[in-house]
Amino acid sequence: MVRLAGARQRSAAPDLRLLIGQDIGLPVLLPLAVEVLRDNPLAEGHMYEGDLLRAVLTRNSTVWSAHPELARQLTFIVGGLSDLSPDLRSKVERFVGAVQNS
């Protein structure tokens, strides 16, 4: 897999957020987004802290069924987060519940 470094990761977050939020190129973009989130779970894509995470978490559960390893990695990433906004905490809980039930 291609690794994104430092400044490239930061500059990639807005594009990833936008495209993933529109379900464009998910098989290619989700692994890149998980890589960014591994290094910075609350990466900001020009909107607010955690907007990339929110875009990734809110993809349809069928996406995660097709990519169980990415779902596992993301579950691990979000498991270590605290002090999230109520909205983002809700998205995390919904994602984790959906992954566990699939």
PDB file of N, CA and C in Angstrom:
ATOM      1  N   MET A   1       0.851  -1.178   0.000  1.00  0.00           N
ATOM      2  CA  MET A   1       0.000   0.000   0.000  1.00  0.00           C
ATOM      3  C   MET A   1       0.894   1.238   0.000  1.00  0.00           C
ATOM      4  N   VAL A   2       0.465   2.260  -0.661  1.00  0.00           N
ATOM      5  CA  VAL A   2       1.189   3.522  -0.699  1.00  0.00           C
ATOM      6  C   VAL A   2       1.016   4.230   0.631  1.00  0.00           C
ATOM      7  N   ARG A   3       2.133   4.681   1.224  1.00  0.00           N
ATOM      8  CA  ARG A   3       2.057   5.429   2.486  1.00  0.00           C
ATOM      9  C   ARG A   3       2.124   6.907   2.167  1.00  0.00           C
ATOM     10  N   LEU A   4       1.258   7.660   2.805  1.00  0.00           N
ATOM     11  CA  LEU A   4       1.268   9.111   2.675  1.00  0.00           C
ATOM     12  C   LEU A   4       2.092   9.672   3.823  1.00  0.00           C
ATOM     13  N   ALA A   5       2.970  10.609   3.554  1.00  0.00           N
ATOM     14  CA  ALA A   5       3.833  11.163   4.598  1.00  0.00           C
ATOM     15  C   ALA A   5       3.435  12.579   4.951  1.00  0.00           C
ATOM     16  N   GLY A   6       3.571  12.896   6.260  1.00  0.00           N
ATOM     17  CA  GLY A   6       3.456  14.226   6.827  1.00  0.00           C
ATOM     18  C   GLY A   6       2.507  15.193   6.152  1.00  0.00           C
ATOM     19  N   ALA A   7       3.095  16.158   5.431  1.00  0.00           N
ATOM     20  CA  ALA A   7       2.309  17.217   4.803  1.00  0.00           C
ATOM     21  C   ALA A   7       1.335  16.652   3.771  1.00  0.00           C
ATOM     22  N   ARG A   8       1.720  15.596   3.095  1.00  0.00           N
ATOM     23  CA  ARG A   8       0.803  14.987   2.112  1.00  0.00           C
ATOM     24  C   ARG A   8      -0.431  14.427   2.787  1.00  0.00           C
ATOM     25  N   GLN A   9      -0.254  13.842   3.978  1.00  0.00           N
ATOM     26  CA  GLN A   9      -1.412  13.337   4.716  1.00  0.00           C
ATOM     27  C   GLN A   9      -2.349  14.473   5.061  1.00  0.00           C
ATOM     28  N   ARG A  10      -1.788  15.558   5.576  1.00  0.00           N
ATOM     29  CA  ARG A  10      -2.625  16.696   5.967  1.00  0.00           C
ATOM     30  C   ARG A  10      -3.351  17.282   4.767  1.00  0.00           C
ATOM     31  N   SER A  11      -2.677  17.363   3.634  1.00  0.00           N
ATOM     32  CA  SER A  11      -3.317  17.939   2.453  1.00  0.00           C
ATOM     33  C   SER A  11      -4.306  16.963   1.816  1.00  0.00           C
ATOM     34  N   ALA A  12      -4.152  15.675   2.100  1.00  0.00           N
ATOM     35  CA  ALA A  12      -5.050  14.673   1.525  1.00  0.00           C
ATOM     36  C   ALA A  12      -6.380  14.603   2.260  1.00  0.00           C
ATOM     37  N   ALA A  13      -6.395  14.954   3.537  1.00  0.00           N
ATOM     38  CA  ALA A  13      -7.609  14.799   4.346  1.00  0.00           C
ATOM     39  C   ALA A  13      -8.833  15.497   3.751  1.00  0.00           C
ATOM     40  N   PRO A  14      -8.730  16.741   3.275  1.00  0.00           N
ATOM     41  CA  PRO A  14      -9.929  17.379   2.703  1.00  0.00           C
ATOM     42  C   PRO A  14     -10.483  16.640   1.482  1.00  0.00           C
ATOM     43  N   ASP A  15      -9.588  16.217   0.598  1.00  0.00           N
ATOM     44  CA  ASP A  15     -10.033  15.497  -0.599  1.00  0.00           C
ATOM     45  C   ASP A  15     -10.636  14.146  -0.228  1.00  0.00           C
ATOM     46  N   LEU A  16      -9.984  13.454   0.690  1.00  0.00           N
ATOM     47  CA  LEU A  16     -10.519  12.168   1.134  1.00  0.00           C
ATOM     48  C   LEU A  16     -11.904  12.341   1.746  1.00  0.00           C
ATOM     49  N   ARG A  17     -12.056  13.330   2.624  1.00  0.00           N
ATOM     50  CA  ARG A  17     -13.352  13.585   3.267  1.00  0.00           C
ATOM     51  C   ARG A  17     -14.433  13.827   2.224  1.00  0.00           C
ATOM     52  N   LEU A  18     -14.131  14.669   1.255  1.00  0.00           N
ATOM     53  CA  LEU A  18     -15.115  15.025   0.240  1.00  0.00           C
ATOM     54  C   LEU A  18     -15.501  13.817  -0.615  1.00  0.00           C
ATOM     55  N   LEU A  19     -14.524  13.092  -1.125  1.00  0.00           N
ATOM     56  CA  LEU A  19     -14.804  11.960  -2.007  1.00  0.00           C
ATOM     57  C   LEU A  19     -15.456  10.803  -1.260  1.00  0.00           C
ATOM     58  N   ILE A  20     -14.953  10.486  -0.084  1.00  0.00           N
ATOM     59  CA  ILE A  20     -15.541   9.401   0.704  1.00  0.00           C
ATOM     60  C   ILE A  20     -16.967   9.756   1.101  1.00  0.00           C
ATOM     61  N   GLY A  21     -17.199  11.003   1.465  1.00  0.00           N
ATOM     62  CA  GLY A  21     -18.549  11.446   1.819  1.00  0.00           C
ATOM     63  C   GLY A  21     -19.543  11.297   0.683  1.00  0.00           C
ATOM     64  N   GLN A  22     -19.021  11.235  -0.554  1.00  0.00           N
ATOM     65  CA  GLN A  22     -19.879  11.051  -1.729  1.00  0.00           C
ATOM     66  C   GLN A  22     -19.815   9.620  -2.258  1.00  0.00           C
ATOM     67  N   ASP A  23     -19.180   8.729  -1.483  1.00  0.00           N
ATOM     68  CA  ASP A  23     -19.036   7.310  -1.850  1.00  0.00           C
ATOM     69  C   ASP A  23     -18.296   7.121  -3.170  1.00  0.00           C
ATOM     70  N   ILE A  24     -17.330   7.964  -3.422  1.00  0.00           N
ATOM     71  CA  ILE A  24     -16.538   7.876  -4.648  1.00  0.00           C
ATOM     72  C   ILE A  24     -15.220   7.165  -4.345  1.00  0.00           C
ATOM     73  N   GLY A  25     -14.933   6.119  -5.102  1.00  0.00           N
ATOM     74  CA  GLY A  25     -13.644   5.435  -5.020  1.00  0.00           C
ATOM     75  C   GLY A  25     -13.346   4.781  -3.686  1.00  0.00           C
ATOM     76  N   LEU A  26     -14.363   4.303  -3.000  1.00  0.00           N
ATOM     77  CA  LEU A  26     -14.158   3.768  -1.651  1.00  0.00           C
ATOM     78  C   LEU A  26     -13.134   2.639  -1.559  1.00  0.00           C
ATOM     79  N   PRO A  27     -13.089   1.682  -2.487  1.00  0.00           N
ATOM     80  CA  PRO A  27     -12.088   0.620  -2.367  1.00  0.00           C
ATOM     81  C   PRO A  27     -10.648   1.138  -2.368  1.00  0.00           C
ATOM     82  N   VAL A  28     -10.422   2.245  -3.019  1.00  0.00           N
ATOM     83  CA  VAL A  28      -9.077   2.829  -3.075  1.00  0.00           C
ATOM     84  C   VAL A  28      -8.871   3.846  -1.958  1.00  0.00           C
ATOM     85  N   LEU A  29      -9.882   4.651  -1.689  1.00  0.00           N
ATOM     86  CA  LEU A  29      -9.720   5.770  -0.757  1.00  0.00           C
ATOM     87  C   LEU A  29      -9.849   5.386   0.711  1.00  0.00           C
ATOM     88  N   LEU A  30     -10.666   4.396   1.035  1.00  0.00           N
ATOM     89  CA  LEU A  30     -10.803   4.022   2.441  1.00  0.00           C
ATOM     90  C   LEU A  30      -9.485   3.549   3.058  1.00  0.00           C
ATOM     91  N   PRO A  31      -8.686   2.729   2.373  1.00  0.00           N
ATOM     92  CA  PRO A  31      -7.392   2.368   2.967  1.00  0.00           C
ATOM     93  C   PRO A  31      -6.501   3.583   3.221  1.00  0.00           C
ATOM     94  N   LEU A  32      -6.527   4.552   2.321  1.00  0.00           N
ATOM     95  CA  LEU A  32      -5.740   5.771   2.521  1.00  0.00           C
ATOM     96  C   LEU A  32      -6.267   6.568   3.709  1.00  0.00           C
ATOM     97  N   ALA A  33      -7.586   6.650   3.820  1.00  0.00           N
ATOM     98  CA  ALA A  33      -8.185   7.389   4.934  1.00  0.00           C
ATOM     99  C   ALA A  33      -7.859   6.721   6.265  1.00  0.00           C
ATOM    100  N   VAL A  34      -7.927   5.402   6.314  1.00  0.00           N
ATOM    101  CA  VAL A  34      -7.602   4.687   7.556  1.00  0.00           C
ATOM    102  C   VAL A  34      -6.138   4.930   7.921  1.00  0.00           C
ATOM    103  N   GLU A  35      -5.281   5.005   6.941  1.00  0.00           N
ATOM    104  CA  GLU A  35      -3.871   5.320   7.194  1.00  0.00           C
ATOM    105  C   GLU A  35      -3.729   6.710   7.820  1.00  0.00           C
ATOM    106  N   VAL A  36      -4.433   7.684   7.270  1.00  0.00           N
ATOM    107  CA  VAL A  36      -4.398   9.038   7.823  1.00  0.00           C
ATOM    108  C   VAL A  36      -4.942   9.031   9.245  1.00  0.00           C
ATOM    109  N   LEU A  37      -6.050   8.335   9.447  1.00  0.00           N
ATOM    110  CA  LEU A  37      -6.691   8.298  10.765  1.00  0.00           C
ATOM    111  C   LEU A  37      -5.849   7.551  11.790  1.00  0.00           C
ATOM    112  N   ARG A  38      -5.077   6.587  11.347  1.00  0.00           N
ATOM    113  CA  ARG A  38      -4.181   5.873  12.254  1.00  0.00           C
ATOM    114  C   ARG A  38      -3.179   6.852  12.863  1.00  0.00           C
ATOM    115  N   ASP A  39      -2.687   7.765  12.049  1.00  0.00           N
ATOM    116  CA  ASP A  39      -1.707   8.748  12.517  1.00  0.00           C
ATOM    117  C   ASP A  39      -2.363   9.922  13.235  1.00  0.00           C
ATOM    118  N   ASN A  40      -3.585  10.275  12.828  1.00  0.00           N
ATOM    119  CA  ASN A  40      -4.287  11.408  13.425  1.00  0.00           C
ATOM    120  C   ASN A  40      -5.795  11.143  13.350  1.00  0.00           C
ATOM    121  N   PRO A  41      -6.356  10.479  14.366  1.00  0.00           N
ATOM    122  CA  PRO A  41      -7.765  10.097  14.300  1.00  0.00           C
ATOM    123  C   PRO A  41      -8.733  11.267  14.126  1.00  0.00           C
ATOM    124  N   LEU A  42      -8.324  12.440  14.536  1.00  0.00           N
ATOM    125  CA  LEU A  42      -9.217  13.590  14.405  1.00  0.00           C
ATOM    126  C   LEU A  42      -8.746  14.529  13.297  1.00  0.00           C
ATOM    127  N   ALA A  43      -8.144  13.951  12.274  1.00  0.00           N
ATOM    128  CA  ALA A  43      -7.676  14.747  11.135  1.00  0.00           C
ATOM    129  C   ALA A  43      -8.805  15.623  10.618  1.00  0.00           C
ATOM    130  N   GLU A  44      -8.445  16.824  10.264  1.00  0.00           N
ATOM    131  CA  GLU A  44      -9.428  17.805   9.814  1.00  0.00           C
ATOM    132  C   GLU A  44      -9.353  17.965   8.307  1.00  0.00           C
ATOM    133  N   GLY A  45     -10.486  17.860   7.654  1.00  0.00           N
ATOM    134  CA  GLY A  45     -10.566  18.028   6.213  1.00  0.00           C
ATOM    135  C   GLY A  45     -11.178  19.358   5.839  1.00  0.00           C
ATOM    136  N   HIS A  46     -10.679  20.448   6.382  1.00  0.00           N
ATOM    137  CA  HIS A  46     -11.111  21.827   6.109  1.00  0.00           C
ATOM    138  C   HIS A  46     -12.493  22.188   6.624  1.00  0.00           C
ATOM    139  N   MET A  47     -13.079  21.348   7.467  1.00  0.00           N
ATOM    140  CA  MET A  47     -14.387  21.713   8.004  1.00  0.00           C
ATOM    141  C   MET A  47     -14.312  21.806   9.523  1.00  0.00           C
ATOM    142  N   TYR A  48     -14.011  20.689  10.184  1.00  0.00           N
ATOM    143  CA  TYR A  48     -13.897  20.685  11.646  1.00  0.00           C
ATOM    144  C   TYR A  48     -13.076  19.474  12.055  1.00  0.00           C
ATOM    145  N   GLU A  49     -12.558  19.530  13.252  1.00  0.00           N
ATOM    146  CA  GLU A  49     -11.761  18.426  13.764  1.00  0.00           C
ATOM    147  C   GLU A  49     -12.589  17.150  13.762  1.00  0.00           C
ATOM    148  N   GLY A  50     -12.064  16.111  13.147  1.00  0.00           N
ATOM    149  CA  GLY A  50     -12.756  14.834  13.087  1.00  0.00           C
ATOM    150  C   GLY A  50     -13.672  14.653  11.891  1.00  0.00           C
ATOM    151  N   ASP A  51     -13.662  15.599  10.955  1.00  0.00           N
ATOM    152  CA  ASP A  51     -14.591  15.472   9.825  1.00  0.00           C
ATOM    153  C   ASP A  51     -14.245  14.313   8.890  1.00  0.00           C
ATOM    154  N   LEU A  52     -12.966  13.988   8.762  1.00  0.00           N
ATOM    155  CA  LEU A  52     -12.598  12.820   7.954  1.00  0.00           C
ATOM    156  C   LEU A  52     -13.099  11.550   8.647  1.00  0.00           C
ATOM    157  N   LEU A  53     -12.900  11.467   9.951  1.00  0.00           N
ATOM    158  CA  LEU A  53     -13.380  10.303  10.701  1.00  0.00           C
ATOM    159  C   LEU A  53     -14.887  10.154  10.545  1.00  0.00           C
ATOM    160  N   ARG A  54     -15.603  11.242  10.653  1.00  0.00           N
ATOM    161  CA  ARG A  54     -17.065  11.189  10.509  1.00  0.00           C
ATOM    162  C   ARG A  54     -17.456  10.678   9.122  1.00  0.00           C
ATOM    163  N   ALA A  55     -16.780  11.165   8.080  1.00  0.00           N
ATOM    164  CA  ALA A  55     -17.085  10.717   6.721  1.00  0.00           C
ATOM    165  C   ALA A  55     -16.846   9.214   6.580  1.00  0.00           C
ATOM    166  N   VAL A  56     -15.755   8.729   7.152  1.00  0.00           N
ATOM    167  CA  VAL A  56     -15.422   7.305   7.051  1.00  0.00           C
ATOM    168  C   VAL A  56     -16.414   6.466   7.856  1.00  0.00           C
ATOM    169  N   LEU A  57     -16.707   6.889   9.074  1.00  0.00           N
ATOM    170  CA  LEU A  57     -17.595   6.115   9.950  1.00  0.00           C
ATOM    171  C   LEU A  57     -19.009   5.987   9.403  1.00  0.00           C
ATOM    172  N   THR A  58     -19.443   6.948   8.644  1.00  0.00           N
ATOM    173  CA  THR A  58     -20.850   6.969   8.216  1.00  0.00           C
ATOM    174  C   THR A  58     -21.091   6.313   6.858  1.00  0.00           C
ATOM    175  N   ARG A  59     -20.110   5.591   6.336  1.00  0.00           N
ATOM    176  CA  ARG A  59     -20.357   4.835   5.107  1.00  0.00           C
ATOM    177  C   ARG A  59     -21.299   3.681   5.427  1.00  0.00           C
ATOM    178  N   ASN A  60     -22.002   3.236   4.440  1.00  0.00           N
ATOM    179  CA  ASN A  60     -22.966   2.149   4.572  1.00  0.00           C
ATOM    180  C   ASN A  60     -22.283   0.896   5.124  1.00  0.00           C
ATOM    181  N   SER A  61     -22.993   0.167   5.954  1.00  0.00           N
ATOM    182  CA  SER A  61     -22.413  -1.025   6.584  1.00  0.00           C
ATOM    183  C   SER A  61     -21.989  -2.086   5.571  1.00  0.00           C
ATOM    184  N   THR A  62     -22.594  -2.088   4.385  1.00  0.00           N
ATOM    185  CA  THR A  62     -22.167  -3.053   3.364  1.00  0.00           C
ATOM    186  C   THR A  62     -20.735  -2.796   2.912  1.00  0.00           C
ATOM    187  N   VAL A  63     -20.307  -1.549   2.979  1.00  0.00           N
ATOM    188  CA  VAL A  63     -18.914  -1.217   2.637  1.00  0.00           C
ATOM    189  C   VAL A  63     -17.977  -1.936   3.594  1.00  0.00           C
ATOM    190  N   TRP A  64     -18.324  -1.901   4.886  1.00  0.00           N
ATOM    191  CA  TRP A  64     -17.455  -2.517   5.887  1.00  0.00           C
ATOM    192  C   TRP A  64     -17.524  -4.033   5.827  1.00  0.00           C
ATOM    193  N   SER A  65     -18.645  -4.582   5.419  1.00  0.00           N
ATOM    194  CA  SER A  65     -18.741  -6.035   5.236  1.00  0.00           C
ATOM    195  C   SER A  65     -17.811  -6.486   4.120  1.00  0.00           C
ATOM    196  N   ALA A  66     -17.651  -5.651   3.116  1.00  0.00           N
ATOM    197  CA  ALA A  66     -16.768  -5.971   1.998  1.00  0.00           C
ATOM    198  C   ALA A  66     -15.293  -5.744   2.326  1.00  0.00           C
ATOM    199  N   HIS A  67     -15.035  -4.989   3.393  1.00  0.00           N
ATOM    200  CA  HIS A  67     -13.656  -4.650   3.785  1.00  0.00           C
ATOM    201  C   HIS A  67     -13.474  -4.877   5.287  1.00  0.00           C
ATOM    202  N   PRO A  68     -13.574  -6.132   5.729  1.00  0.00           N
ATOM    203  CA  PRO A  68     -13.543  -6.400   7.169  1.00  0.00           C
ATOM    204  C   PRO A  68     -12.226  -6.020   7.844  1.00  0.00           C
ATOM    205  N   GLU A  69     -11.125  -6.141   7.152  1.00  0.00           N
ATOM    206  CA  GLU A  69      -9.837  -5.774   7.772  1.00  0.00           C
ATOM    207  C   GLU A  69      -9.771  -4.270   8.034  1.00  0.00           C
ATOM    208  N   LEU A  70     -10.266  -3.477   7.101  1.00  0.00           N
ATOM    209  CA  LEU A  70     -10.314  -2.025   7.331  1.00  0.00           C
ATOM    210  C   LEU A  70     -11.252  -1.697   8.483  1.00  0.00           C
ATOM    211  N   ALA A  71     -12.379  -2.400   8.558  1.00  0.00           N
ATOM    212  CA  ALA A  71     -13.316  -2.183   9.661  1.00  0.00           C
ATOM    213  C   ALA A  71     -12.656  -2.522  10.989  1.00  0.00           C
ATOM    214  N   ARG A  72     -11.888  -3.598  11.023  1.00  0.00           N
ATOM    215  CA  ARG A  72     -11.180  -3.989  12.247  1.00  0.00           C
ATOM    216  C   ARG A  72     -10.177  -2.911  12.646  1.00  0.00           C
ATOM    217  N   GLN A  73      -9.407  -2.425  11.674  1.00  0.00           N
ATOM    218  CA  GLN A  73      -8.422  -1.382  11.954  1.00  0.00           C
ATOM    219  C   GLN A  73      -9.097  -0.114  12.469  1.00  0.00           C
ATOM    220  N   LEU A  74     -10.192   0.262  11.848  1.00  0.00           N
ATOM    221  CA  LEU A  74     -10.896   1.476  12.258  1.00  0.00           C
ATOM    222  C   LEU A  74     -11.507   1.308  13.649  1.00  0.00           C
ATOM    223  N   THR A  75     -12.016   0.118  13.942  1.00  0.00           N
ATOM    224  CA  THR A  75     -12.549  -0.146  15.274  1.00  0.00           C
ATOM    225  C   THR A  75     -11.463   0.018  16.327  1.00  0.00           C
ATOM    226  N   PHE A  76     -10.273  -0.455  16.028  1.00  0.00           N
ATOM    227  CA  PHE A  76      -9.138  -0.293  16.942  1.00  0.00           C
ATOM    228  C   PHE A  76      -8.805   1.189  17.124  1.00  0.00           C
ATOM    229  N   ILE A  77      -8.785   1.935  16.044  1.00  0.00           N
ATOM    230  CA  ILE A  77      -8.460   3.368  16.090  1.00  0.00           C
ATOM    231  C   ILE A  77      -9.458   4.115  16.974  1.00  0.00           C
ATOM    232  N   VAL A  78     -10.737   3.902  16.735  1.00  0.00           N
ATOM    233  CA  VAL A  78     -11.750   4.660  17.484  1.00  0.00           C
ATOM    234  C   VAL A  78     -11.858   4.180  18.927  1.00  0.00           C
ATOM    235  N   GLY A  79     -11.411   2.955  19.189  1.00  0.00           N
ATOM    236  CA  GLY A  79     -11.454   2.437  20.551  1.00  0.00           C
ATOM    237  C   GLY A  79     -10.573   3.216  21.510  1.00  0.00           C
ATOM    238  N   GLY A  80      -9.569   3.888  20.987  1.00  0.00           N
ATOM    239  CA  GLY A  80      -8.655   4.650  21.826  1.00  0.00           C
ATOM    240  C   GLY A  80      -9.006   6.117  21.964  1.00  0.00           C
ATOM    241  N   LEU A  81     -10.134   6.523  21.420  1.00  0.00           N
ATOM    242  CA  LEU A  81     -10.498   7.940  21.452  1.00  0.00           C
ATOM    243  C   LEU A  81     -11.338   8.279  22.674  1.00  0.00           C
ATOM    244  N   SER A  82     -11.125   9.480  23.192  1.00  0.00           N
ATOM    245  CA  SER A  82     -11.957   9.988  24.285  1.00  0.00           C
ATOM    246  C   SER A  82     -12.212  11.468  24.023  1.00  0.00           C
ATOM    247  N   ASP A  83     -13.062  12.059  24.810  1.00  0.00           N
ATOM    248  CA  ASP A  83     -13.382  13.489  24.685  1.00  0.00           C
ATOM    249  C   ASP A  83     -13.884  13.866  23.295  1.00  0.00           C
ATOM    250  N   LEU A  84     -14.718  13.018  22.732  1.00  0.00           N
ATOM    251  CA  LEU A  84     -15.320  13.316  21.432  1.00  0.00           C
ATOM    252  C   LEU A  84     -16.594  14.125  21.632  1.00  0.00           C
ATOM    253  N   SER A  85     -16.968  14.860  20.611  1.00  0.00           N
ATOM    254  CA  SER A  85     -18.249  15.566  20.653  1.00  0.00           C
ATOM    255  C   SER A  85     -19.362  14.523  20.723  1.00  0.00           C
ATOM    256  N   PRO A  86     -20.508  14.893  21.254  1.00  0.00           N
ATOM    257  CA  PRO A  86     -21.621  13.930  21.315  1.00  0.00           C
ATOM    258  C   PRO A  86     -21.980  13.366  19.934  1.00  0.00           C
ATOM    259  N   ASP A  87     -21.952  14.201  18.903  1.00  0.00           N
ATOM    260  CA  ASP A  87     -22.280  13.732  17.554  1.00  0.00           C
ATOM    261  C   ASP A  87     -21.274  12.699  17.074  1.00  0.00           C
ATOM    262  N   LEU A  88     -19.992  12.990  17.231  1.00  0.00           N
ATOM    263  CA  LEU A  88     -18.967  12.059  16.763  1.00  0.00           C
ATOM    264  C   LEU A  88     -18.976  10.787  17.605  1.00  0.00           C
ATOM    265  N   ARG A  89     -19.191  10.900  18.902  1.00  0.00           N
ATOM    266  CA  ARG A  89     -19.291   9.714  19.769  1.00  0.00           C
ATOM    267  C   ARG A  89     -20.445   8.828  19.295  1.00  0.00           C
ATOM    268  N   SER A  90     -21.552   9.435  18.910  1.00  0.00           N
ATOM    269  CA  SER A  90     -22.699   8.683  18.398  1.00  0.00           C
ATOM    270  C   SER A  90     -22.332   7.934  17.116  1.00  0.00           C
ATOM    271  N   LYS A  91     -21.596   8.598  16.233  1.00  0.00           N
ATOM    272  CA  LYS A  91     -21.177   7.951  14.982  1.00  0.00           C
ATOM    273  C   LYS A  91     -20.246   6.774  15.265  1.00  0.00           C
ATOM    274  N   VAL A  92     -19.346   6.948  16.233  1.00  0.00           N
ATOM    275  CA  VAL A  92     -18.428   5.869  16.611  1.00  0.00           C
ATOM    276  C   VAL A  92     -19.225   4.678  17.138  1.00  0.00           C
ATOM    277  N   GLU A  93     -20.153   4.932  18.042  1.00  0.00           N
ATOM    278  CA  GLU A  93     -20.940   3.856  18.632  1.00  0.00           C
ATOM    279  C   GLU A  93     -21.772   3.128  17.576  1.00  0.00           C
ATOM    280  N   ARG A  94     -22.361   3.881  16.657  1.00  0.00           N
ATOM    281  CA  ARG A  94     -23.160   3.273  15.587  1.00  0.00           C
ATOM    282  C   ARG A  94     -22.276   2.404  14.688  1.00  0.00           C
ATOM    283  N   PHE A  95     -21.088   2.900  14.332  1.00  0.00           N
ATOM    284  CA  PHE A  95     -20.161   2.148  13.498  1.00  0.00           C
ATOM    285  C   PHE A  95     -19.748   0.851  14.197  1.00  0.00           C
ATOM    286  N   VAL A  96     -19.301   0.958  15.429  1.00  0.00           N
ATOM    287  CA  VAL A  96     -18.820  -0.218  16.162  1.00  0.00           C
ATOM    288  C   VAL A  96     -19.943  -1.236  16.297  1.00  0.00           C
ATOM    289  N   GLY A  97     -21.155  -0.781  16.613  1.00  0.00           N
ATOM    290  CA  GLY A  97     -22.294  -1.696  16.713  1.00  0.00           C
ATOM    291  C   GLY A  97     -22.591  -2.393  15.409  1.00  0.00           C
ATOM    292  N   ALA A  98     -22.543  -1.649  14.312  1.00  0.00           N
ATOM    293  CA  ALA A  98     -22.825  -2.238  12.990  1.00  0.00           C
ATOM    294  C   ALA A  98     -21.761  -3.258  12.604  1.00  0.00           C
ATOM    295  N   VAL A  99     -20.502  -2.944  12.888  1.00  0.00           N
ATOM    296  CA  VAL A  99     -19.409  -3.871  12.544  1.00  0.00           C
ATOM    297  C   VAL A  99     -19.505  -5.141  13.377  1.00  0.00           C
ATOM    298  N   GLN A 100     -19.819  -4.997  14.651  1.00  0.00           N
ATOM    299  CA  GLN A 100     -19.939  -6.169  15.520  1.00  0.00           C
ATOM    300  C   GLN A 100     -21.111  -7.061  15.130  1.00  0.00           C
ATOM    301  N   ASN A 101     -22.153  -6.465  14.582  1.00  0.00           N
ATOM    302  CA  ASN A 101     -23.347  -7.234  14.203  1.00  0.00           C
ATOM    303  C   ASN A 101     -23.286  -7.797  12.780  1.00  0.00           C
ATOM    304  N   SER A 102     -22.215  -7.507  12.069  1.00  0.00           N
ATOM    305  CA  SER A 102     -22.146  -8.003  10.668  1.00  0.00           C
ATOM    306  C   SER A 102     -21.393  -9.307  10.573  1.00  0.00           C
TER     307      SER A 102
END
